[in-house]
Amino acid sequence: MTDILPHLLNGLTLGLLFALIALGFTLIVGVMEVINLAHGSLFALGAYFALTVLGAGWFGDTAFGAWWLSLAIETRYVAALLIGPLLAALAGMALELCLRPTYGKAPLYGLLLTFGAALVIEEIIRLGWGTGEQNLQVPAAINGPILVAGFIYSKYKFFAAGFSLVAIVAVWLFLERTPYGAIIKAGAHDSEMVRALGYDLSKLRLLVFGFGAALAGLAGIIMVPIWGLRPHVGIDVVIPAFLIIVIGGIGSFWGAVVAALLVGLAVGITGAYAGAWATMSMYILLIVVVGFRSRGLFGRKSALEN
């Protein structure tokens, strides 16, 4: 048990982080019926924005930049957690405006546009922040090792898991306990009915896309200290996110969470005993679940099935 416990913790941490990524993805797919292949690039963009905020990159040679760098890392880190997702949300909203001419047309148009957007965003990252791998500094209080049940574990992974869990619950409360969340859920089931009730469907789509992009950016800030920060890190994210929403069921909140935990545990445990099969385990899990239930664990019939 002592031998497998670190791998179980790694799997749970990875699963919670995957859930945070996949929730933004599943909201966009559920409301807009668009598979956003740029979701991983928005994940990376949020992390790079946070990197700039932490280092005062845009104001480094000014008096404001010097004052900002004099602040405690904890203050700058909290600011990065707020500003990074906000800027990622703005980028996502800009992408949604570009997507509008594709609405009502074959899904392939939106798919190709978001694929192109992913390439553009990655190239912008290369031009703006360079091509090398970078590190996202975290406060000392959540950095370093900690002794757990006789083995040494990373304090940051505990923080990442706890933060992701709190964020997931906060998103659920927003969707379940606020009128805005009710409108988003209604839009995921019948967008035309939302329009018939007098709500602006264009504004709903814009806000949902921005919200999903913000979740992706937030996940990027939390995850890259574990995975590393490089321009193509988004590619490593978008495929697991897509697998998770298919396994969990398109449009299902808890389906995405449960599927993310299953994928995280599969990767974590498989990586411990057969490292070469760690990534493959995700695809095997997908085949097993979809083979028995084509709509995923909690899926309902979607326009994507037509």
C-alpha atoms as a PDB file:
ATOM      1  CA  MET A   1       0.000   0.000   0.000  1.00  0.00           C
ATOM      2  CA  THR A   2       2.867   2.364   0.817  1.00  0.00           C
ATOM      3  CA  ASP A   3       4.346   1.707  -2.614  1.00  0.00           C
ATOM      4  CA  ILE A   4       1.157   2.497  -4.525  1.00  0.00           C
ATOM      5  CA  LEU A   5      -0.002   5.454  -2.390  1.00  0.00           C
ATOM      6  CA  PRO A   6       2.235   8.064  -4.116  1.00  0.00           C
ATOM      7  CA  HIS A   7       0.967   6.916  -7.506  1.00  0.00           C
ATOM      8  CA  LEU A   8      -2.648   7.104  -6.324  1.00  0.00           C
ATOM      9  CA  LEU A   9      -2.011  10.661  -5.109  1.00  0.00           C
ATOM     10  CA  ASN A  10      -0.366  11.534  -8.415  1.00  0.00           C
ATOM     11  CA  GLY A  11      -3.336  10.098 -10.278  1.00  0.00           C
ATOM     12  CA  LEU A  12      -5.895  11.978  -8.169  1.00  0.00           C
ATOM     13  CA  THR A  13      -3.968  15.233  -8.542  1.00  0.00           C
ATOM     14  CA  LEU A  14      -3.695  14.772 -12.289  1.00  0.00           C
ATOM     15  CA  GLY A  15      -7.379  13.857 -12.481  1.00  0.00           C
ATOM     16  CA  LEU A  16      -8.490  16.991 -10.628  1.00  0.00           C
ATOM     17  CA  LEU A  17      -6.306  19.136 -12.885  1.00  0.00           C
ATOM     18  CA  PHE A  18      -7.699  17.395 -15.956  1.00  0.00           C
ATOM     19  CA  ALA A  19     -11.212  18.047 -14.630  1.00  0.00           C
ATOM     20  CA  LEU A  20     -10.506  21.766 -14.362  1.00  0.00           C
ATOM     21  CA  ILE A  21      -9.316  21.763 -17.980  1.00  0.00           C
ATOM     22  CA  ALA A  22     -12.190  19.626 -19.267  1.00  0.00           C
ATOM     23  CA  LEU A  23     -14.959  21.628 -17.588  1.00  0.00           C
ATOM     24  CA  GLY A  24     -14.256  24.673 -19.739  1.00  0.00           C
ATOM     25  CA  PHE A  25     -14.105  22.418 -22.783  1.00  0.00           C
ATOM     26  CA  THR A  26     -17.404  20.674 -21.993  1.00  0.00           C
ATOM     27  CA  LEU A  27     -19.228  23.965 -21.332  1.00  0.00           C
ATOM     28  CA  ILE A  28     -18.230  25.254 -24.763  1.00  0.00           C
ATOM     29  CA  VAL A  29     -19.175  21.999 -26.481  1.00  0.00           C
ATOM     30  CA  GLY A  30     -22.444  21.729 -24.571  1.00  0.00           C
ATOM     31  CA  VAL A  31     -23.689  25.266 -25.220  1.00  0.00           C
ATOM     32  CA  MET A  32     -22.183  25.955 -28.637  1.00  0.00           C
ATOM     33  CA  GLU A  33     -21.728  22.439 -30.065  1.00  0.00           C
ATOM     34  CA  VAL A  34     -18.265  23.498 -31.205  1.00  0.00           C
ATOM     35  CA  ILE A  35     -15.186  21.378 -30.475  1.00  0.00           C
ATOM     36  CA  ASN A  36     -12.657  24.048 -29.586  1.00  0.00           C
ATOM     37  CA  LEU A  37      -9.283  22.722 -30.683  1.00  0.00           C
ATOM     38  CA  ALA A  38      -7.725  25.982 -29.433  1.00  0.00           C
ATOM     39  CA  HIS A  39      -8.649  25.128 -25.836  1.00  0.00           C
ATOM     40  CA  GLY A  40      -5.148  23.814 -25.113  1.00  0.00           C
ATOM     41  CA  SER A  41      -3.593  26.955 -26.587  1.00  0.00           C
ATOM     42  CA  LEU A  42      -5.753  29.096 -24.276  1.00  0.00           C
ATOM     43  CA  PHE A  43      -4.502  26.902 -21.416  1.00  0.00           C
ATOM     44  CA  ALA A  44      -0.920  27.778 -22.406  1.00  0.00           C
ATOM     45  CA  LEU A  45      -1.784  31.443 -22.972  1.00  0.00           C
ATOM     46  CA  GLY A  46      -3.167  31.790 -19.443  1.00  0.00           C
ATOM     47  CA  ALA A  47       0.073  30.393 -18.028  1.00  0.00           C
ATOM     48  CA  TYR A  48       2.207  32.753 -20.125  1.00  0.00           C
ATOM     49  CA  PHE A  49       0.101  35.727 -19.044  1.00  0.00           C
ATOM     50  CA  ALA A  50       0.670  34.655 -15.427  1.00  0.00           C
ATOM     51  CA  LEU A  51       4.405  34.412 -16.113  1.00  0.00           C
ATOM     52  CA  THR A  52       4.373  38.006 -17.364  1.00  0.00           C
ATOM     53  CA  VAL A  53       2.382  39.226 -14.354  1.00  0.00           C
ATOM     54  CA  LEU A  54       4.771  37.536 -11.923  1.00  0.00           C
ATOM     55  CA  GLY A  55       7.805  39.112 -13.566  1.00  0.00           C
ATOM     56  CA  ALA A  56       6.230  42.477 -14.493  1.00  0.00           C
ATOM     57  CA  GLY A  57       7.221  41.653 -18.071  1.00  0.00           C
ATOM     58  CA  TRP A  58       5.365  44.537 -19.707  1.00  0.00           C
ATOM     59  CA  PHE A  59       6.572  47.104 -17.163  1.00  0.00           C
ATOM     60  CA  GLY A  60       9.937  45.665 -16.149  1.00  0.00           C
ATOM     61  CA  ASP A  61      11.984  48.796 -16.989  1.00  0.00           C
ATOM     62  CA  THR A  62       9.558  51.293 -15.445  1.00  0.00           C
ATOM     63  CA  ALA A  63       9.062  52.594 -11.917  1.00  0.00           C
ATOM     64  CA  PHE A  64       5.857  50.551 -11.709  1.00  0.00           C
ATOM     65  CA  GLY A  65       7.765  47.424 -12.713  1.00  0.00           C
ATOM     66  CA  ALA A  66      10.392  47.997 -10.025  1.00  0.00           C
ATOM     67  CA  TRP A  67       7.673  48.569  -7.419  1.00  0.00           C
ATOM     68  CA  TRP A  68       5.779  45.473  -8.555  1.00  0.00           C
ATOM     69  CA  LEU A  69       8.859  43.262  -8.280  1.00  0.00           C
ATOM     70  CA  SER A  70       9.475  44.598  -4.780  1.00  0.00           C
ATOM     71  CA  LEU A  71       6.181  43.048  -3.645  1.00  0.00           C
ATOM     72  CA  ALA A  72       6.088  39.618  -2.024  1.00  0.00           C
ATOM     73  CA  ILE A  73       5.850  36.659  -4.379  1.00  0.00           C
ATOM     74  CA  GLU A  74       2.591  35.655  -2.647  1.00  0.00           C
ATOM     75  CA  THR A  75       0.954  38.943  -3.682  1.00  0.00           C
ATOM     76  CA  ARG A  76       2.159  38.677  -7.266  1.00  0.00           C
ATOM     77  CA  TYR A  77       1.099  35.026  -7.459  1.00  0.00           C
ATOM     78  CA  VAL A  78      -2.451  35.814  -6.351  1.00  0.00           C
ATOM     79  CA  ALA A  79      -2.551  38.623  -8.918  1.00  0.00           C
ATOM     80  CA  ALA A  80      -1.363  36.175 -11.586  1.00  0.00           C
ATOM     81  CA  LEU A  81      -4.149  33.741 -10.621  1.00  0.00           C
ATOM     82  CA  LEU A  82      -6.668  36.529 -11.234  1.00  0.00           C
ATOM     83  CA  ILE A  83      -5.213  38.373 -14.230  1.00  0.00           C
ATOM     84  CA  GLY A  84      -4.002  35.343 -16.229  1.00  0.00           C
ATOM     85  CA  PRO A  85      -7.461  33.701 -16.557  1.00  0.00           C
ATOM     86  CA  LEU A  86      -9.064  37.106 -17.218  1.00  0.00           C
ATOM     87  CA  LEU A  87      -6.745  37.761 -20.173  1.00  0.00           C
ATOM     88  CA  ALA A  88      -7.273  34.190 -21.407  1.00  0.00           C
ATOM     89  CA  ALA A  89     -11.025  34.844 -21.239  1.00  0.00           C
ATOM     90  CA  LEU A  90     -10.634  37.947 -23.398  1.00  0.00           C
ATOM     91  CA  ALA A  91      -8.656  35.924 -25.935  1.00  0.00           C
ATOM     92  CA  GLY A  92     -11.388  33.263 -25.887  1.00  0.00           C
ATOM     93  CA  MET A  93     -14.098  35.875 -26.442  1.00  0.00           C
ATOM     94  CA  ALA A  94     -12.163  37.253 -29.405  1.00  0.00           C
ATOM     95  CA  LEU A  95     -12.036  33.722 -30.823  1.00  0.00           C
ATOM     96  CA  GLU A  96     -15.793  33.347 -30.360  1.00  0.00           C
ATOM     97  CA  LEU A  97     -16.375  36.517 -32.389  1.00  0.00           C
ATOM     98  CA  CYS A  98     -14.288  34.978 -35.173  1.00  0.00           C
ATOM     99  CA  LEU A  99     -16.381  31.798 -34.952  1.00  0.00           C
ATOM    100  CA  ARG A 100     -19.725  33.518 -35.509  1.00  0.00           C
ATOM    101  CA  PRO A 101     -19.690  33.288 -39.330  1.00  0.00           C
ATOM    102  CA  THR A 102     -19.421  29.481 -38.958  1.00  0.00           C
ATOM    103  CA  TYR A 103     -22.632  29.104 -36.901  1.00  0.00           C
ATOM    104  CA  GLY A 104     -25.325  27.227 -38.754  1.00  0.00           C
ATOM    105  CA  LYS A 105     -22.838  25.709 -41.164  1.00  0.00           C
ATOM    106  CA  ALA A 106     -21.192  22.278 -41.191  1.00  0.00           C
ATOM    107  CA  PRO A 107     -19.262  21.551 -37.932  1.00  0.00           C
ATOM    108  CA  LEU A 108     -16.098  21.161 -39.978  1.00  0.00           C
ATOM    109  CA  TYR A 109     -15.892  24.949 -40.445  1.00  0.00           C
ATOM    110  CA  GLY A 110     -15.706  25.610 -36.708  1.00  0.00           C
ATOM    111  CA  LEU A 111     -13.317  22.718 -36.231  1.00  0.00           C
ATOM    112  CA  LEU A 112     -10.918  24.056 -38.850  1.00  0.00           C
ATOM    113  CA  LEU A 113     -11.152  27.618 -37.547  1.00  0.00           C
ATOM    114  CA  THR A 114     -10.290  26.612 -33.979  1.00  0.00           C
ATOM    115  CA  PHE A 115      -7.464  24.425 -35.278  1.00  0.00           C
ATOM    116  CA  GLY A 116      -6.068  27.408 -37.151  1.00  0.00           C
ATOM    117  CA  ALA A 117      -6.533  29.595 -34.068  1.00  0.00           C
ATOM    118  CA  ALA A 118      -4.513  27.084 -32.022  1.00  0.00           C
ATOM    119  CA  LEU A 119      -1.629  27.374 -34.481  1.00  0.00           C
ATOM    120  CA  VAL A 120      -1.836  31.175 -34.458  1.00  0.00           C
ATOM    121  CA  ILE A 121      -1.864  31.376 -30.656  1.00  0.00           C
ATOM    122  CA  GLU A 122       1.095  29.012 -30.401  1.00  0.00           C
ATOM    123  CA  GLU A 123       3.054  31.144 -32.865  1.00  0.00           C
ATOM    124  CA  ILE A 124       2.141  34.312 -30.926  1.00  0.00           C
ATOM    125  CA  ILE A 125       3.507  32.634 -27.800  1.00  0.00           C
ATOM    126  CA  ARG A 126       6.759  31.802 -29.600  1.00  0.00           C
ATOM    127  CA  LEU A 127       7.132  35.401 -30.812  1.00  0.00           C
ATOM    128  CA  GLY A 128       6.171  37.000 -27.507  1.00  0.00           C
ATOM    129  CA  TRP A 129       7.789  34.730 -24.946  1.00  0.00           C
ATOM    130  CA  GLY A 130      10.377  32.704 -26.857  1.00  0.00           C
ATOM    131  CA  THR A 131      10.670  29.048 -27.768  1.00  0.00           C
ATOM    132  CA  GLY A 132      12.489  27.702 -24.714  1.00  0.00           C
ATOM    133  CA  GLU A 133      10.976  26.080 -21.645  1.00  0.00           C
ATOM    134  CA  GLN A 134      10.312  28.436 -18.743  1.00  0.00           C
ATOM    135  CA  ASN A 135       9.378  28.096 -15.095  1.00  0.00           C
ATOM    136  CA  LEU A 136       6.411  29.615 -13.300  1.00  0.00           C
ATOM    137  CA  GLN A 137       7.582  30.711  -9.867  1.00  0.00           C
ATOM    138  CA  VAL A 138       5.385  29.722  -6.920  1.00  0.00           C
ATOM    139  CA  PRO A 139       5.466  30.935  -3.287  1.00  0.00           C
ATOM    140  CA  ALA A 140       7.790  29.129  -0.910  1.00  0.00           C
ATOM    141  CA  ALA A 141       4.842  28.138   1.309  1.00  0.00           C
ATOM    142  CA  ILE A 142       3.547  25.740  -1.362  1.00  0.00           C
ATOM    143  CA  ASN A 143       6.907  24.685  -2.737  1.00  0.00           C
ATOM    144  CA  GLY A 144       9.275  21.926  -1.642  1.00  0.00           C
ATOM    145  CA  PRO A 145       8.782  18.443  -0.166  1.00  0.00           C
ATOM    146  CA  ILE A 146       6.543  17.224   2.646  1.00  0.00           C
ATOM    147  CA  LEU A 147       6.553  13.908   4.524  1.00  0.00           C
ATOM    148  CA  VAL A 148       3.295  11.957   4.084  1.00  0.00           C
ATOM    149  CA  ALA A 149       2.726   8.460   5.505  1.00  0.00           C
ATOM    150  CA  GLY A 150       6.427   7.690   5.416  1.00  0.00           C
ATOM    151  CA  PHE A 151       7.225   8.981   1.942  1.00  0.00           C
ATOM    152  CA  ILE A 152       8.247  12.368   0.581  1.00  0.00           C
ATOM    153  CA  TYR A 153       5.697  14.162  -1.557  1.00  0.00           C
ATOM    154  CA  SER A 154       5.452  17.565  -3.235  1.00  0.00           C
ATOM    155  CA  LYS A 155       3.655  20.294  -1.304  1.00  0.00           C
ATOM    156  CA  TYR A 156       2.744  21.959  -4.581  1.00  0.00           C
ATOM    157  CA  LYS A 157       0.857  18.881  -5.796  1.00  0.00           C
ATOM    158  CA  PHE A 158      -1.261  18.995  -2.647  1.00  0.00           C
ATOM    159  CA  PHE A 159      -1.925  22.674  -3.312  1.00  0.00           C
ATOM    160  CA  ALA A 160      -2.778  21.990  -6.976  1.00  0.00           C
ATOM    161  CA  ALA A 161      -5.203  19.208  -6.048  1.00  0.00           C
ATOM    162  CA  GLY A 162      -6.868  21.275  -3.316  1.00  0.00           C
ATOM    163  CA  PHE A 163      -7.111  24.378  -5.501  1.00  0.00           C
ATOM    164  CA  SER A 164      -8.612  22.379  -8.377  1.00  0.00           C
ATOM    165  CA  LEU A 165     -11.169  20.782  -6.051  1.00  0.00           C
ATOM    166  CA  VAL A 166     -12.237  24.192  -4.695  1.00  0.00           C
ATOM    167  CA  ALA A 167     -12.449  25.604  -8.234  1.00  0.00           C
ATOM    168  CA  ILE A 168     -14.581  22.656  -9.414  1.00  0.00           C
ATOM    169  CA  VAL A 169     -16.997  23.102  -6.495  1.00  0.00           C
ATOM    170  CA  ALA A 170     -17.141  26.861  -7.147  1.00  0.00           C
ATOM    171  CA  VAL A 171     -18.024  26.264 -10.814  1.00  0.00           C
ATOM    172  CA  TRP A 172     -20.700  23.766  -9.794  1.00  0.00           C
ATOM    173  CA  LEU A 173     -22.206  26.238  -7.302  1.00  0.00           C
ATOM    174  CA  PHE A 174     -22.181  28.923  -9.979  1.00  0.00           C
ATOM    175  CA  LEU A 175     -24.028  26.672 -12.427  1.00  0.00           C
ATOM    176  CA  GLU A 176     -26.481  25.289  -9.864  1.00  0.00           C
ATOM    177  CA  ARG A 177     -27.147  28.226  -7.547  1.00  0.00           C
ATOM    178  CA  THR A 178     -27.115  31.343  -9.721  1.00  0.00           C
ATOM    179  CA  PRO A 179     -29.541  32.535 -12.424  1.00  0.00           C
ATOM    180  CA  TYR A 180     -26.642  32.929 -14.847  1.00  0.00           C
ATOM    181  CA  GLY A 181     -25.716  29.295 -14.320  1.00  0.00           C
ATOM    182  CA  ALA A 182     -29.306  28.269 -14.981  1.00  0.00           C
ATOM    183  CA  ILE A 183     -29.257  30.126 -18.305  1.00  0.00           C
ATOM    184  CA  ILE A 184     -25.987  28.419 -19.287  1.00  0.00           C
ATOM    185  CA  LYS A 185     -27.407  24.981 -18.428  1.00  0.00           C
ATOM    186  CA  ALA A 186     -30.573  25.752 -20.372  1.00  0.00           C
ATOM    187  CA  GLY A 187     -28.447  26.814 -23.333  1.00  0.00           C
ATOM    188  CA  ALA A 188     -26.623  23.493 -23.195  1.00  0.00           C
ATOM    189  CA  HIS A 189     -29.916  21.602 -23.564  1.00  0.00           C
ATOM    190  CA  ASP A 190     -31.889  23.839 -25.956  1.00  0.00           C
ATOM    191  CA  SER A 191     -30.293  27.065 -27.133  1.00  0.00           C
ATOM    192  CA  GLU A 192     -33.288  27.990 -29.282  1.00  0.00           C
ATOM    193  CA  MET A 193     -35.580  27.833 -26.248  1.00  0.00           C
ATOM    194  CA  VAL A 194     -33.234  30.242 -24.458  1.00  0.00           C
ATOM    195  CA  ARG A 195     -33.584  32.627 -27.382  1.00  0.00           C
ATOM    196  CA  ALA A 196     -37.391  32.204 -27.354  1.00  0.00           C
ATOM    197  CA  LEU A 197     -37.444  33.204 -23.668  1.00  0.00           C
ATOM    198  CA  GLY A 198     -35.865  36.526 -24.585  1.00  0.00           C
ATOM    199  CA  TYR A 199     -32.215  35.959 -23.742  1.00  0.00           C
ATOM    200  CA  ASP A 200     -29.517  37.153 -26.106  1.00  0.00           C
ATOM    201  CA  LEU A 201     -28.024  33.926 -27.476  1.00  0.00           C
ATOM    202  CA  SER A 202     -25.039  35.733 -28.990  1.00  0.00           C
ATOM    203  CA  LYS A 203     -24.124  37.248 -25.623  1.00  0.00           C
ATOM    204  CA  LEU A 204     -24.609  33.875 -23.917  1.00  0.00           C
ATOM    205  CA  ARG A 205     -22.221  32.198 -26.338  1.00  0.00           C
ATOM    206  CA  LEU A 206     -19.677  34.980 -25.917  1.00  0.00           C
ATOM    207  CA  LEU A 207     -19.746  34.736 -22.120  1.00  0.00           C
ATOM    208  CA  VAL A 208     -19.667  30.926 -22.086  1.00  0.00           C
ATOM    209  CA  PHE A 209     -16.684  30.882 -24.425  1.00  0.00           C
ATOM    210  CA  GLY A 210     -14.929  33.443 -22.234  1.00  0.00           C
ATOM    211  CA  PHE A 211     -15.773  31.449 -19.098  1.00  0.00           C
ATOM    212  CA  GLY A 212     -14.448  28.238 -20.636  1.00  0.00           C
ATOM    213  CA  ALA A 213     -11.266  30.009 -21.740  1.00  0.00           C
ATOM    214  CA  ALA A 214     -10.812  31.441 -18.226  1.00  0.00           C
ATOM    215  CA  LEU A 215     -11.043  27.936 -16.746  1.00  0.00           C
ATOM    216  CA  ALA A 216      -8.464  26.759 -19.276  1.00  0.00           C
ATOM    217  CA  GLY A 217      -6.138  29.651 -18.371  1.00  0.00           C
ATOM    218  CA  LEU A 218      -6.591  28.995 -14.654  1.00  0.00           C
ATOM    219  CA  ALA A 219      -5.793  25.310 -15.158  1.00  0.00           C
ATOM    220  CA  GLY A 220      -2.687  26.324 -17.093  1.00  0.00           C
ATOM    221  CA  ILE A 221      -1.380  28.468 -14.233  1.00  0.00           C
ATOM    222  CA  ILE A 222      -1.920  25.665 -11.725  1.00  0.00           C
ATOM    223  CA  MET A 223      -0.649  22.838 -13.903  1.00  0.00           C
ATOM    224  CA  VAL A 224       2.495  24.145 -15.611  1.00  0.00           C
ATOM    225  CA  PRO A 225       4.666  24.103 -12.451  1.00  0.00           C
ATOM    226  CA  ILE A 226       4.156  20.319 -12.661  1.00  0.00           C
ATOM    227  CA  TRP A 227       4.257  19.866 -16.444  1.00  0.00           C
ATOM    228  CA  GLY A 228       6.580  22.706 -17.436  1.00  0.00           C
ATOM    229  CA  LEU A 229       5.835  25.760 -19.583  1.00  0.00           C
ATOM    230  CA  ARG A 230       6.623  25.671 -23.306  1.00  0.00           C
ATOM    231  CA  PRO A 231       4.780  26.982 -26.391  1.00  0.00           C
ATOM    232  CA  HIS A 232       3.361  23.616 -27.406  1.00  0.00           C
ATOM    233  CA  VAL A 233       2.187  22.585 -23.913  1.00  0.00           C
ATOM    234  CA  GLY A 234      -1.389  23.107 -25.096  1.00  0.00           C
ATOM    235  CA  ILE A 235      -1.086  20.129 -27.450  1.00  0.00           C
ATOM    236  CA  ASP A 236      -0.414  17.921 -24.427  1.00  0.00           C
ATOM    237  CA  VAL A 237      -3.685  19.140 -22.903  1.00  0.00           C
ATOM    238  CA  VAL A 238      -6.313  19.284 -25.619  1.00  0.00           C
ATOM    239  CA  ILE A 239      -6.274  15.550 -26.409  1.00  0.00           C
ATOM    240  CA  PRO A 240      -6.869  14.396 -22.786  1.00  0.00           C
ATOM    241  CA  ALA A 241      -9.567  17.088 -22.434  1.00  0.00           C
ATOM    242  CA  PHE A 242     -11.358  15.795 -25.525  1.00  0.00           C
ATOM    243  CA  LEU A 243     -11.091  12.176 -24.349  1.00  0.00           C
ATOM    244  CA  ILE A 244     -12.502  13.162 -20.951  1.00  0.00           C
ATOM    245  CA  ILE A 245     -15.651  14.822 -22.309  1.00  0.00           C
ATOM    246  CA  VAL A 246     -16.284  11.804 -24.553  1.00  0.00           C
ATOM    247  CA  ILE A 247     -15.765   9.344 -21.685  1.00  0.00           C
ATOM    248  CA  GLY A 248     -17.853  11.401 -19.250  1.00  0.00           C
ATOM    249  CA  GLY A 249     -20.570  12.317 -21.731  1.00  0.00           C
ATOM    250  CA  ILE A 250     -20.824  15.500 -23.772  1.00  0.00           C
ATOM    251  CA  GLY A 251     -22.382  18.323 -21.773  1.00  0.00           C
ATOM    252  CA  SER A 252     -22.267  16.515 -18.406  1.00  0.00           C
ATOM    253  CA  PHE A 253     -20.567  18.394 -15.558  1.00  0.00           C
ATOM    254  CA  TRP A 254     -20.072  15.460 -13.212  1.00  0.00           C
ATOM    255  CA  GLY A 255     -19.379  13.183 -16.146  1.00  0.00           C
ATOM    256  CA  ALA A 256     -16.352  15.348 -16.965  1.00  0.00           C
ATOM    257  CA  VAL A 257     -15.192  15.289 -13.325  1.00  0.00           C
ATOM    258  CA  VAL A 258     -15.576  11.513 -12.910  1.00  0.00           C
ATOM    259  CA  ALA A 259     -13.964  10.815 -16.278  1.00  0.00           C
ATOM    260  CA  ALA A 260     -11.049  13.130 -15.456  1.00  0.00           C
ATOM    261  CA  LEU A 261     -10.436  11.295 -12.183  1.00  0.00           C
ATOM    262  CA  LEU A 262     -10.563   7.944 -13.975  1.00  0.00           C
ATOM    263  CA  VAL A 263      -8.131   9.154 -16.628  1.00  0.00           C
ATOM    264  CA  GLY A 264      -5.803  10.624 -13.987  1.00  0.00           C
ATOM    265  CA  LEU A 265      -5.792   7.406 -11.965  1.00  0.00           C
ATOM    266  CA  ALA A 266      -5.285   5.295 -15.080  1.00  0.00           C
ATOM    267  CA  VAL A 267      -2.288   7.383 -16.150  1.00  0.00           C
ATOM    268  CA  GLY A 268      -0.839   7.596 -12.618  1.00  0.00           C
ATOM    269  CA  ILE A 269      -1.094   3.901 -11.776  1.00  0.00           C
ATOM    270  CA  THR A 270      -0.110   2.665 -15.235  1.00  0.00           C
ATOM    271  CA  GLY A 271       2.877   5.028 -15.237  1.00  0.00           C
ATOM    272  CA  ALA A 272       4.073   3.473 -11.990  1.00  0.00           C
ATOM    273  CA  TYR A 273       4.248  -0.083 -13.305  1.00  0.00           C
ATOM    274  CA  ALA A 274       4.414   0.290 -17.095  1.00  0.00           C
ATOM    275  CA  GLY A 275       5.597   3.780 -17.937  1.00  0.00           C
ATOM    276  CA  ALA A 276       5.473   3.224 -21.691  1.00  0.00           C
ATOM    277  CA  TRP A 277       1.731   2.498 -21.409  1.00  0.00           C
ATOM    278  CA  ALA A 278       0.809   5.549 -19.309  1.00  0.00           C
ATOM    279  CA  THR A 279      -0.507   7.620 -22.219  1.00  0.00           C
ATOM    280  CA  MET A 280      -1.989   4.594 -23.942  1.00  0.00           C
ATOM    281  CA  SER A 281      -4.090   3.868 -20.847  1.00  0.00           C
ATOM    282  CA  MET A 282      -6.265   6.911 -21.640  1.00  0.00           C
ATOM    283  CA  TYR A 283      -7.162   5.525 -25.043  1.00  0.00           C
ATOM    284  CA  ILE A 284      -7.811   2.045 -23.664  1.00  0.00           C
ATOM    285  CA  LEU A 285     -10.164   3.563 -21.081  1.00  0.00           C
ATOM    286  CA  LEU A 286     -11.948   5.458 -23.860  1.00  0.00           C
ATOM    287  CA  ILE A 287     -12.409   2.277 -25.914  1.00  0.00           C
ATOM    288  CA  VAL A 288     -13.744   0.340 -22.913  1.00  0.00           C
ATOM    289  CA  VAL A 289     -16.256   3.022 -21.870  1.00  0.00           C
ATOM    290  CA  VAL A 290     -17.478   3.943 -25.350  1.00  0.00           C
ATOM    291  CA  GLY A 291     -17.643   0.256 -26.282  1.00  0.00           C
ATOM    292  CA  PHE A 292     -20.228  -0.307 -23.560  1.00  0.00           C
ATOM    293  CA  ARG A 293     -21.942   3.104 -23.655  1.00  0.00           C
ATOM    294  CA  SER A 294     -21.466   5.179 -26.782  1.00  0.00           C
ATOM    295  CA  ARG A 295     -22.643   8.422 -25.125  1.00  0.00           C
ATOM    296  CA  GLY A 296     -20.160   8.136 -22.280  1.00  0.00           C
ATOM    297  CA  LEU A 297     -20.787   7.592 -18.596  1.00  0.00           C
ATOM    298  CA  PHE A 298     -23.332  10.381 -18.060  1.00  0.00           C
ATOM    299  CA  GLY A 299     -23.979  11.517 -21.614  1.00  0.00           C
ATOM    300  CA  ARG A 300     -27.265  12.504 -23.192  1.00  0.00           C
ATOM    301  CA  LYS A 301     -28.134  12.687 -26.845  1.00  0.00           C
ATOM    302  CA  SER A 302     -26.332  15.636 -28.462  1.00  0.00           C
ATOM    303  CA  ALA A 303     -26.439  17.316 -31.842  1.00  0.00           C
ATOM    304  CA  LEU A 304     -22.945  15.899 -32.344  1.00  0.00           C
ATOM    305  CA  GLU A 305     -24.507  12.416 -32.582  1.00  0.00           C
ATOM    306  CA  ASN A 306     -26.681  13.368 -35.577  1.00  0.00           C
END
